[in-house]
Protein backbone atom coordinates (compact mmCIF):
# COMPACT_ATOMS: atom_id res chain seq x y z
CA UNK A 1 48.26 -9.52 -15.40
CA UNK A 2 47.69 -6.23 -13.57
CA UNK A 3 45.04 -5.15 -16.15
CA UNK A 4 43.26 -8.50 -15.68
CA UNK A 5 43.19 -7.95 -11.89
CA UNK A 6 41.72 -4.45 -12.32
CA UNK A 7 39.04 -5.77 -14.69
CA UNK A 8 38.20 -8.63 -12.33
CA UNK A 9 37.93 -6.24 -9.37
CA UNK A 10 35.69 -3.89 -11.37
CA UNK A 11 33.47 -6.80 -12.42
CA UNK A 12 33.17 -8.01 -8.82
CA UNK A 13 32.29 -4.54 -7.52
CA UNK A 14 29.71 -4.07 -10.26
CA UNK A 15 28.24 -7.48 -9.52
CA UNK A 16 28.12 -6.79 -5.79
CA UNK A 17 26.35 -3.45 -6.37
CA UNK A 18 23.73 -5.15 -8.51
CA UNK A 19 23.40 -7.89 -5.90
CA UNK A 20 22.87 -5.36 -3.14
CA UNK A 21 20.16 -3.57 -5.14
CA UNK A 22 18.46 -6.86 -5.98
CA UNK A 23 18.70 -7.95 -2.33
CA UNK A 24 17.15 -4.65 -1.16
CA UNK A 25 14.28 -5.09 -3.59
CA UNK A 26 13.79 -8.69 -2.50
CA UNK A 27 13.88 -7.66 1.17
CA UNK A 28 11.34 -4.84 0.64
CA UNK A 29 9.05 -7.20 -1.24
CA UNK A 30 9.60 -9.91 1.38
CA UNK A 31 8.51 -7.52 4.15
CA UNK A 32 5.25 -6.74 2.36
CA UNK A 33 4.63 -10.46 1.81
CA UNK A 34 5.45 -11.14 5.48
CA UNK A 35 2.96 -8.45 6.54
CA UNK A 36 0.20 -10.02 4.47
CA UNK A 37 1.06 -13.51 5.77
CA UNK A 38 0.96 -12.28 9.38
CA UNK A 39 -2.44 -10.68 8.72
CA UNK A 40 -3.65 -13.87 7.03
CA UNK A 41 -2.72 -15.77 10.23
CA UNK A 42 -4.37 -13.06 12.39
CA UNK A 43 -0.95 -12.45 13.97
CA UNK A 44 -1.21 -8.82 15.05
CA UNK A 45 2.07 -8.92 17.01
CA UNK A 46 3.90 -10.47 14.05
CA UNK A 47 2.53 -7.83 11.69
CA UNK A 48 3.34 -5.00 14.11
CA UNK A 49 6.93 -6.24 14.46
CA UNK A 50 7.49 -5.58 10.74
CA UNK A 51 6.97 -1.83 11.20
CA UNK A 52 9.63 0.65 12.29
CA UNK A 53 8.95 2.44 15.58
CA UNK A 54 8.36 5.69 13.66
CA UNK A 55 6.18 4.11 10.95
CA UNK A 56 3.36 6.09 9.37
CA UNK A 57 0.32 4.47 7.76
CA UNK A 58 -2.21 6.47 5.76
CA UNK A 59 -5.48 4.81 4.80
CA UNK A 60 -7.60 5.47 1.71
CA UNK A 61 -9.53 8.31 3.37
CA UNK A 62 -6.32 10.11 4.31
CA UNK A 63 -6.38 9.18 8.01
CA UNK A 64 -2.75 9.03 9.15
CA UNK A 65 -1.64 6.67 11.90
CA UNK A 66 1.60 7.45 13.73
CA UNK A 67 1.13 5.94 17.21
CA UNK A 68 1.93 2.27 17.94
CA UNK A 69 -1.37 1.68 19.77
CA UNK A 70 -3.30 3.11 16.77
CA UNK A 71 -1.24 0.95 14.40
CA UNK A 72 -2.04 -2.16 16.47
CA UNK A 73 -5.76 -1.29 16.38
CA UNK A 74 -5.58 -0.59 12.62
CA UNK A 75 -3.84 -3.89 11.83
CA UNK A 76 -6.33 -5.82 13.96
CA UNK A 77 -9.25 -4.06 12.27
CA UNK A 78 -7.77 -4.72 8.81
CA UNK A 79 -7.46 -8.40 9.63
CA UNK A 80 -11.12 -8.69 10.56
CA UNK A 81 -12.45 -6.53 7.71
CA UNK A 82 -10.46 -8.11 4.87
CA UNK A 83 -12.16 -10.54 2.58
CA UNK A 84 -8.91 -11.69 0.93
CA UNK A 85 -5.19 -11.28 1.36
CA UNK A 86 -4.09 -11.30 -2.28
CA UNK A 87 -1.46 -8.86 -3.56
CA UNK A 88 -1.81 -7.92 -7.21
CA UNK A 89 0.53 -5.99 -9.51
CA UNK A 90 3.33 -6.10 -6.94
CA UNK A 91 6.34 -4.04 -8.05
CA UNK A 92 9.52 -3.29 -6.14
CA UNK A 93 11.93 -0.48 -6.91
CA UNK A 94 14.70 -0.50 -4.32
CA UNK A 95 13.06 0.15 -0.95
CA UNK A 96 9.74 1.20 -2.51
CA UNK A 97 6.97 -1.38 -3.04
CA UNK A 98 3.64 -0.84 -4.81
CA UNK A 99 0.72 -3.21 -5.18
CA UNK A 100 -3.05 -3.34 -5.50
CA UNK A 101 -5.67 -5.26 -3.59
CA UNK A 102 -9.32 -5.93 -4.32
CA UNK A 103 -11.87 -5.25 -1.57
CA UNK A 104 -15.33 -6.72 -1.72
CA UNK A 105 -16.67 -5.59 1.65
CA UNK A 106 -20.34 -5.34 2.46
CA UNK A 107 -20.60 -1.63 1.59
CA UNK A 108 -19.17 -2.21 -1.90
CA UNK A 109 -21.38 -5.27 -2.38
CA UNK A 110 -24.50 -3.40 -1.27
CA UNK A 111 -23.98 -0.62 -3.83
CA UNK A 112 -23.01 -3.10 -6.56
CA UNK A 113 -19.36 -2.15 -7.21
CA UNK A 114 -17.50 -5.00 -5.48
CA UNK A 115 -14.66 -5.59 -5.78
CA UNK A 116 -13.03 -2.17 -5.53
CA UNK A 117 -9.31 -1.96 -6.30
CA UNK A 118 -7.12 -0.18 -3.73
CA UNK A 119 -3.55 0.94 -4.50
CA UNK A 120 -0.74 0.77 -1.92
CA UNK A 121 2.78 2.16 -1.64
CA UNK A 122 5.23 1.07 1.06
CA UNK A 123 8.68 2.33 1.98
CA UNK A 124 11.17 0.10 3.74
CA UNK A 125 14.27 1.14 5.65
CA UNK A 126 16.70 -0.97 7.66
CA UNK A 127 14.56 -4.08 7.35
CA UNK A 128 11.33 -2.46 8.62
CA UNK A 129 8.31 -0.87 6.97
CA UNK A 130 8.49 2.89 7.55
CA UNK A 131 5.33 3.90 5.69
CA UNK A 132 2.32 2.58 3.84
CA UNK A 133 -0.01 4.85 1.91
CA UNK A 134 -3.20 3.52 0.37
CA UNK A 135 -5.59 5.23 -1.99
CA UNK A 136 -8.48 4.40 -4.25
CA UNK A 137 -7.71 5.16 -7.91
CA UNK A 138 -9.89 7.81 -9.59
CA UNK A 139 -11.66 5.33 -11.89
CA UNK A 140 -12.77 3.33 -8.82
CA UNK A 141 -13.95 6.50 -7.08
CA UNK A 142 -16.07 7.33 -10.13
CA UNK A 143 -17.67 3.86 -9.96
CA UNK A 144 -18.42 4.25 -6.25
CA UNK A 145 -19.83 7.78 -6.74
CA UNK A 146 -22.10 6.64 -9.59
CA UNK A 147 -23.38 3.71 -7.53
CA UNK A 148 -24.03 5.95 -4.53
CA UNK A 149 -26.04 8.38 -6.67
CA UNK A 150 -28.04 5.52 -8.16
CA UNK A 151 -28.88 3.96 -4.77
CA UNK A 152 -32.51 4.26 -3.68
CA UNK A 153 -31.47 4.64 -0.02
CA UNK A 154 -28.46 6.78 0.86
CA UNK A 155 -25.72 4.26 1.69
CA UNK A 156 -23.33 4.77 4.63
CA UNK A 157 -19.83 3.49 5.24
CA UNK A 158 -18.05 3.69 8.61
CA UNK A 159 -20.75 6.03 9.94
CA UNK A 160 -20.32 8.46 7.02
CA UNK A 161 -22.66 9.18 4.19
CA UNK A 162 -21.51 7.98 0.81
CA UNK A 163 -21.07 11.62 -0.28
CA UNK A 164 -18.76 12.30 2.70
CA UNK A 165 -16.80 9.14 1.97
CA UNK A 166 -16.40 10.12 -1.70
CA UNK A 167 -15.13 13.58 -0.71
CA UNK A 168 -12.54 12.07 1.64
CA UNK A 169 -11.21 9.42 -0.74
CA UNK A 170 -11.22 11.83 -3.68
CA UNK A 171 -9.27 14.50 -1.76
CA UNK A 172 -6.75 11.93 -0.54
CA UNK A 173 -6.29 10.36 -3.99
CA UNK A 174 -5.85 13.82 -5.54
CA UNK A 175 -3.16 14.51 -2.94
CA UNK A 176 -1.38 11.23 -3.71
CA UNK A 177 -1.55 11.97 -7.43
CA UNK A 178 -0.25 15.53 -6.95
CA UNK A 179 2.60 14.13 -4.88
CA UNK A 180 3.44 11.68 -7.68
CA UNK A 181 3.34 14.41 -10.34
CA UNK A 182 5.98 16.31 -8.41
CA UNK A 183 8.28 13.39 -9.19
CA UNK A 184 8.45 11.92 -5.71
CA UNK A 185 7.67 8.46 -7.02
CA UNK A 186 8.03 9.00 -10.76
CA UNK A 187 8.54 5.29 -11.43
CA UNK A 188 4.87 4.53 -10.75
CA UNK A 189 1.90 5.70 -12.77
CA UNK A 190 -0.86 6.83 -10.42
CA UNK A 191 -4.41 6.96 -11.70
């Protein structure tokens, strides 16, 4: 009887550990879905509430946001610039969530490469998003660069020349990829 009790206790502890890991993954994924839903509803306050006070967001050009007022502005701008709110290839590994999104903004349409796929990584801690890093995969950067070179008039995005934009997104993506190669997020294959 004592052996049966030990085995039952071990099985329950193992099951609870698996349940906790699955719950953490579900919660991390749920936070990302909640963020997208808040943005879909144009609920800036609701989206902002999902972020930890010390949250850091890095966009595809490498611009890092650490201040709440900047984060509010960024979320509001994202809401108005987005053409869709679909999450693709969503994967959750504990408190780490990755996904991709397609962007078909005017700049990408004008140079003939829309949609462009962006990659995202989020970290969640204590029920809040602590960081989001986005980047444009190398194959997408090559498409954008080729389209910019082929354009008859030099295209601009966010008051930058296409060449400046390419340099920024390429440097940031190379940094994300170098970070991944060091094994920081070795469960995800970066382009």
